[in-house]
Structures are given as structure tokens and as C-alpha cells.
Amino acid sequence: MSKKTILCCDRCGSRNYVVPAGNAEPTTRLTVKKFCKHCNAHTVHKQTV
């Protein structure tokens, strides 16, 4: 079973994306600009804890 990382929208807080966990150092959080279907815009998505 592979580990997964959940990304949530920084603006509305909805959890939109699931990506495979490839972060070797858990102290840094993944930050990506992706499309949020709830905000209907490209927003910053951060890795949830």
C-alpha cells in the first residue's frame, strides 16, 4: 500500500487532490497551485497534516 498526501485549497479549505507521498523530509509541506472546482479558480493548495 502506498502512502498518499491530501492537498487542500488555501482559500476555501476543501480537500480536492490526492497525490502519492514522495516527500522524504516530513518537515516541509508541499505547496502547489492547482484548480479548485469550488472556488472556480487556480489557487494555492497545501499539504494537509
Protein backbone atom coordinates (compact mmCIF):
# COMPACT_ATOMS: atom_id res chain seq x y z
CA MET A 1 0.00 0.00 0.00
CA SER A 2 1.46 3.35 -0.97
CA LYS A 3 1.21 6.44 1.20
CA LYS A 4 -0.92 9.29 -0.07
CA THR A 5 -0.86 13.02 0.55
CA ILE A 6 -4.03 15.14 0.57
CA LEU A 7 -3.95 18.69 -0.81
CA CYS A 8 -6.46 21.26 0.39
CA CYS A 9 -7.33 24.66 -1.05
CA ASP A 10 -5.82 27.60 0.81
CA ARG A 11 -8.83 29.83 0.06
CA CYS A 12 -11.88 27.65 0.81
CA GLY A 13 -10.28 24.70 2.65
CA SER A 14 -11.80 21.94 0.51
CA ARG A 15 -9.72 18.80 0.01
CA ASN A 16 -9.54 18.40 -3.76
CA TYR A 17 -6.46 16.37 -4.69
CA VAL A 18 -4.71 13.19 -3.57
CA VAL A 19 -1.11 12.68 -4.69
CA PRO A 20 1.42 9.94 -3.90
CA ALA A 21 3.64 10.82 -0.95
CA GLY A 22 7.14 11.33 -2.28
CA ASN A 23 8.35 13.78 0.34
CA ALA A 24 11.40 12.25 2.04
CA GLU A 25 11.64 15.06 4.59
CA PRO A 26 8.34 15.38 6.51
CA THR A 27 9.23 18.82 7.95
CA THR A 28 8.49 20.57 4.61
CA ARG A 29 4.94 20.82 3.30
CA LEU A 30 4.06 20.51 -0.36
CA THR A 31 2.59 23.69 -1.91
CA VAL A 32 1.19 23.64 -5.45
CA LYS A 33 -1.00 25.99 -7.47
CA LYS A 34 -3.96 23.94 -8.78
CA PHE A 35 -7.52 24.46 -9.97
CA CYS A 36 -10.20 24.40 -7.26
CA LYS A 37 -13.64 23.47 -8.56
CA HIS A 38 -15.34 25.07 -5.53
CA CYS A 39 -13.60 28.46 -5.95
CA ASN A 40 -13.65 28.11 -9.77
CA ALA A 41 -10.09 29.49 -9.92
CA HIS A 42 -6.44 28.47 -9.71
CA THR A 43 -5.46 28.71 -6.04
CA VAL A 44 -2.64 27.56 -3.81
CA HIS A 45 -3.13 24.04 -2.44
CA LYS A 46 -1.16 22.92 0.61
CA GLN A 47 -0.45 19.50 2.03
CA THR A 48 -2.66 18.66 4.99
CA VAL A 49 -1.21 17.35 8.22
